[in-house]
Amino acid sequence: MLQTLAGPEIGVASTKAFTCQLMVLASLAIAAGKARSELSDEDETKLVHGLVEVPRLMADALTIEPQIEKLAHRIAKSRDVLYLGRGTSFPLALEGALKLKEISYIHAEGYAAGELKHGPIALIDETMPVVVIAPYDRVFEKTVSNMQEVAARGGNIILMTDAKGAAEATVESLVTIVMPDMAAAFTPMVYAVPVQLLAYHTAVVMGTDVDQPRNLAKSVTVE
């Protein structure tokens, strides 16, 4: 058993539980890589230093909260929201959609960006916000291609990226949320912050119970 050491879970949409689980799994992966001689001492040291930097990067990410709060007023008027991510950003797209539907009761779906043409693209119109989680990494250009397809159908793109991604994106977005620069290995932990803040502030705007959403059966709501 590996403990997350996240403390008591007060709310259902628990950012700390999600990010602590990612941190524990990352630590396990590093330990396994070292034990199997897949990582050198230098690689291990670099990755561990990267994990140590994650709390600082999260604190930097929190500075964009006013922008997220403003955006939430637009999301709150939506009936459906689509989240897209590629590679390690795909699970974050699932997480963002899950949290939005859990606490704001807005229908939201997360999709792998590469699967856009296989169903979700048919739903996109000028009323649908499309949250694209796209740090500047080896698959960034492919994600930009998906953004172009969304833009061609009038979708309202909300881009979560870093400074280089914001500069390199060739598609106009409704809102661009610029995250701090970091190695690609650590983006899932840090980008979870704006993803979950968006769900939280949207729920607050809509007046729902953020901590104990309706109909959910979890440890914080039932025995």
Protein backbone atom coordinates (compact mmCIF):
# COMPACT_ATOMS: atom_id res chain seq x y z
CA MET A 1 0.00 0.00 0.00
CA LEU A 2 1.25 3.47 -0.90
CA GLN A 3 -0.28 6.31 1.09
CA THR A 4 -1.02 9.61 -0.62
CA LEU A 5 -0.80 11.53 2.69
CA ALA A 6 -3.24 14.11 1.33
CA GLY A 7 -5.13 14.54 4.59
CA PRO A 8 -8.89 14.17 5.09
CA GLU A 9 -11.07 14.44 2.00
CA ILE A 10 -13.51 17.27 2.69
CA GLY A 11 -14.97 17.84 -0.76
CA VAL A 12 -15.81 15.42 -3.56
CA ALA A 13 -13.89 17.44 -6.17
CA SER A 14 -10.63 17.02 -4.29
CA THR A 15 -7.65 18.58 -6.08
CA LYS A 16 -5.21 17.49 -3.38
CA ALA A 17 -6.20 13.81 -3.60
CA PHE A 18 -5.82 13.76 -7.39
CA THR A 19 -2.47 15.56 -7.45
CA CYS A 20 -1.07 13.61 -4.51
CA GLN A 21 -1.95 10.35 -6.27
CA LEU A 22 -0.08 11.56 -9.34
CA MET A 23 2.90 12.48 -7.17
CA VAL A 24 2.95 9.06 -5.52
CA LEU A 25 2.72 7.28 -8.88
CA ALA A 26 5.50 9.45 -10.30
CA SER A 27 7.69 8.60 -7.31
CA LEU A 28 6.92 4.91 -7.80
CA ALA A 29 7.81 5.14 -11.49
CA ILE A 30 11.14 6.78 -10.68
CA ALA A 31 11.93 4.13 -8.07
CA ALA A 32 11.02 1.34 -10.49
CA GLY A 33 13.08 2.89 -13.26
CA LYS A 34 16.10 3.11 -10.98
CA ALA A 35 15.64 -0.44 -9.66
CA ARG A 36 15.44 -1.81 -13.21
CA SER A 37 18.48 0.22 -14.31
CA GLU A 38 16.34 2.13 -16.79
CA LEU A 39 17.30 5.42 -15.13
CA SER A 40 20.81 6.63 -14.43
CA ASP A 41 21.74 8.41 -11.20
CA GLU A 42 21.69 11.65 -13.16
CA ASP A 43 18.20 10.95 -14.56
CA GLU A 44 16.90 10.06 -11.11
CA THR A 45 18.31 13.23 -9.56
CA LYS A 46 16.82 15.37 -12.34
CA LEU A 47 13.38 13.83 -11.97
CA VAL A 48 13.38 14.06 -8.18
CA HIS A 49 14.39 17.72 -8.36
CA GLY A 50 11.52 18.21 -10.80
CA LEU A 51 9.05 16.70 -8.33
CA VAL A 52 10.38 18.96 -5.58
CA GLU A 53 9.63 21.95 -7.82
CA VAL A 54 6.00 20.94 -8.40
CA PRO A 55 4.56 22.76 -5.32
CA ARG A 56 6.21 26.00 -6.46
CA LEU A 57 4.83 25.55 -9.95
CA MET A 58 1.37 24.93 -8.50
CA ALA A 59 1.65 28.15 -6.48
CA ASP A 60 2.54 29.97 -9.71
CA ALA A 61 -0.46 28.37 -11.42
CA LEU A 62 -2.75 29.69 -8.70
CA THR A 63 -1.97 33.26 -9.78
CA ILE A 64 -4.23 32.74 -12.82
CA GLU A 65 -7.26 32.14 -10.59
CA PRO A 66 -8.83 35.58 -11.33
CA GLN A 67 -8.74 34.73 -15.05
CA ILE A 68 -10.34 31.35 -14.35
CA GLU A 69 -13.02 32.97 -12.21
CA LYS A 70 -13.92 35.37 -15.02
CA LEU A 71 -14.03 32.51 -17.52
CA ALA A 72 -16.35 30.54 -15.23
CA HIS A 73 -19.14 33.06 -15.84
CA ARG A 74 -19.06 32.13 -19.53
CA ILE A 75 -18.86 28.40 -18.89
CA ALA A 76 -21.82 28.61 -16.52
CA LYS A 77 -24.02 29.67 -19.44
CA SER A 78 -23.10 26.59 -21.47
CA ARG A 79 -25.13 23.44 -21.86
CA ASP A 80 -22.20 21.25 -22.97
CA VAL A 81 -18.42 21.50 -22.66
CA LEU A 82 -15.79 19.43 -24.48
CA TYR A 83 -12.29 18.82 -23.08
CA LEU A 84 -9.46 17.72 -25.37
CA GLY A 85 -5.96 16.50 -24.54
CA ARG A 86 -3.29 14.41 -26.18
CA GLY A 87 -0.78 12.07 -24.50
CA THR A 88 -0.57 12.72 -20.78
CA SER A 89 -3.03 15.58 -21.19
CA PHE A 90 -5.82 13.19 -22.17
CA PRO A 91 -6.38 11.95 -18.58
CA LEU A 92 -6.52 15.59 -17.52
CA ALA A 93 -9.23 16.18 -20.09
CA LEU A 94 -11.18 13.32 -18.52
CA GLU A 95 -10.57 14.74 -15.05
CA GLY A 96 -11.66 18.24 -16.06
CA ALA A 97 -14.87 17.00 -17.63
CA LEU A 98 -15.59 14.74 -14.65
CA LYS A 99 -15.21 17.53 -12.12
CA LEU A 100 -17.29 19.99 -14.13
CA LYS A 101 -20.20 17.58 -14.48
CA GLU A 102 -19.92 16.46 -10.84
CA ILE A 103 -20.18 19.86 -9.20
CA SER A 104 -21.78 22.21 -11.74
CA TYR A 105 -24.12 19.64 -13.37
CA ILE A 106 -23.13 20.84 -16.85
CA HIS A 107 -22.76 18.03 -19.36
CA ALA A 108 -19.04 17.66 -20.13
CA GLU A 109 -16.97 15.05 -21.92
CA GLY A 110 -13.23 14.49 -22.15
CA TYR A 111 -11.75 13.07 -25.35
CA ALA A 112 -8.34 12.20 -26.69
CA ALA A 113 -7.60 14.96 -29.20
CA GLY A 114 -6.70 12.35 -31.83
CA GLU A 115 -10.23 10.97 -31.59
CA LEU A 116 -11.88 14.31 -32.33
CA LYS A 117 -13.07 13.23 -35.77
CA HIS A 118 -14.65 10.06 -34.40
CA GLY A 119 -17.78 11.53 -32.89
CA PRO A 120 -17.29 14.68 -30.79
CA ILE A 121 -16.55 16.94 -33.77
CA ALA A 122 -20.20 16.56 -34.81
CA LEU A 123 -21.27 18.31 -31.60
CA ILE A 124 -19.14 21.43 -32.03
CA ASP A 125 -20.84 24.71 -32.86
CA GLU A 126 -20.58 28.35 -31.82
CA THR A 127 -22.25 27.65 -28.46
CA MET A 128 -19.81 24.99 -27.26
CA PRO A 129 -16.70 25.80 -25.21
CA VAL A 130 -13.81 23.45 -26.02
CA VAL A 131 -11.11 23.30 -23.35
CA VAL A 132 -7.82 22.27 -24.94
CA ILE A 133 -5.06 21.16 -22.55
CA ALA A 134 -1.87 21.54 -24.57
CA PRO A 135 1.49 22.23 -22.95
CA TYR A 136 4.23 22.79 -25.53
CA ASP A 137 5.52 19.24 -25.92
CA ARG A 138 6.28 16.72 -28.67
CA VAL A 139 2.58 16.41 -29.64
CA PHE A 140 1.73 20.12 -29.47
CA GLU A 141 1.60 20.63 -33.25
CA LYS A 142 -0.86 17.76 -33.64
CA THR A 143 -3.08 19.30 -30.98
CA VAL A 144 -2.97 22.63 -32.82
CA SER A 145 -4.28 20.78 -35.86
CA ASN A 146 -7.25 19.63 -33.77
CA MET A 147 -7.78 23.22 -32.60
CA GLN A 148 -7.95 24.33 -36.22
CA GLU A 149 -10.72 21.81 -36.82
CA VAL A 150 -12.62 23.12 -33.80
CA ALA A 151 -12.16 26.73 -34.92
CA ALA A 152 -13.43 25.91 -38.42
CA ARG A 153 -16.72 24.81 -36.85
CA GLY A 154 -17.10 27.88 -34.66
CA GLY A 155 -16.15 26.27 -31.35
CA ASN A 156 -15.03 28.55 -28.54
CA ILE A 157 -11.49 27.41 -27.74
CA ILE A 158 -10.14 27.74 -24.21
CA LEU A 159 -6.44 26.95 -24.48
CA MET A 160 -4.38 25.89 -21.46
CA THR A 161 -0.71 26.01 -22.42
CA ASP A 162 2.62 27.62 -21.53
CA ALA A 163 4.27 30.75 -22.91
CA LYS A 164 5.84 28.98 -25.89
CA GLY A 165 2.60 27.19 -26.68
CA ALA A 166 0.69 30.48 -26.57
CA ALA A 167 3.22 32.02 -28.97
CA GLU A 168 3.25 29.04 -31.35
CA ALA A 169 -0.50 28.39 -31.48
CA THR A 170 -1.77 29.45 -34.88
CA VAL A 171 -5.43 29.33 -33.90
CA GLU A 172 -7.28 32.17 -32.23
CA SER A 173 -8.77 31.15 -28.90
CA LEU A 174 -11.52 32.68 -26.81
CA VAL A 175 -9.23 32.55 -23.77
CA THR A 176 -5.60 31.47 -23.42
CA ILE A 177 -4.53 30.45 -19.93
CA VAL A 178 -0.74 30.65 -19.77
CA MET A 179 0.88 28.24 -17.34
CA PRO A 180 4.45 28.34 -16.01
CA ASP A 181 7.16 26.56 -18.00
CA MET A 182 8.05 23.05 -16.84
CA ALA A 183 9.29 19.68 -18.07
CA ALA A 184 6.63 17.62 -19.83
CA ALA A 185 6.82 14.91 -17.15
CA PHE A 186 5.27 17.22 -14.55
CA THR A 187 2.50 18.93 -16.53
CA PRO A 188 -0.28 16.54 -15.40
CA MET A 189 0.20 17.52 -11.75
CA VAL A 190 0.41 21.26 -12.34
CA TYR A 191 -2.23 21.58 -15.08
CA ALA A 192 -4.69 19.86 -12.74
CA VAL A 193 -4.87 23.18 -10.87
CA PRO A 194 -6.58 25.30 -13.58
CA VAL A 195 -8.66 22.33 -14.72
CA GLN A 196 -10.15 21.89 -11.26
CA LEU A 197 -10.38 25.61 -10.52
CA LEU A 198 -12.53 26.03 -13.63
CA ALA A 199 -14.98 23.41 -12.35
CA TYR A 200 -14.99 24.95 -8.87
CA HIS A 201 -15.65 28.54 -9.95
CA THR A 202 -18.28 27.47 -12.48
CA ALA A 203 -20.13 25.63 -9.73
CA VAL A 204 -19.88 28.65 -7.44
CA VAL A 205 -21.33 30.89 -10.15
CA MET A 206 -24.20 28.45 -10.63
CA GLY A 207 -24.87 28.22 -6.89
CA THR A 208 -24.47 24.46 -6.54
CA ASP A 209 -23.05 22.69 -3.49
CA VAL A 210 -19.39 22.40 -4.40
CA ASP A 211 -18.39 20.13 -1.51
CA GLN A 212 -21.33 17.73 -1.59
CA PRO A 213 -22.86 17.49 -5.07
CA ARG A 214 -26.23 15.85 -5.54
CA ASN A 215 -26.58 12.12 -6.22
CA LEU A 216 -22.90 11.25 -5.74
CA ALA A 217 -22.04 8.31 -3.47
CA LYS A 218 -18.51 8.85 -2.15
CA SER A 219 -16.78 8.59 1.18
CA VAL A 220 -17.46 12.23 2.01
CA THR A 221 -21.20 12.03 1.28
CA VAL A 222 -22.22 8.62 2.63
CA GLU A 223 -21.05 6.02 5.16
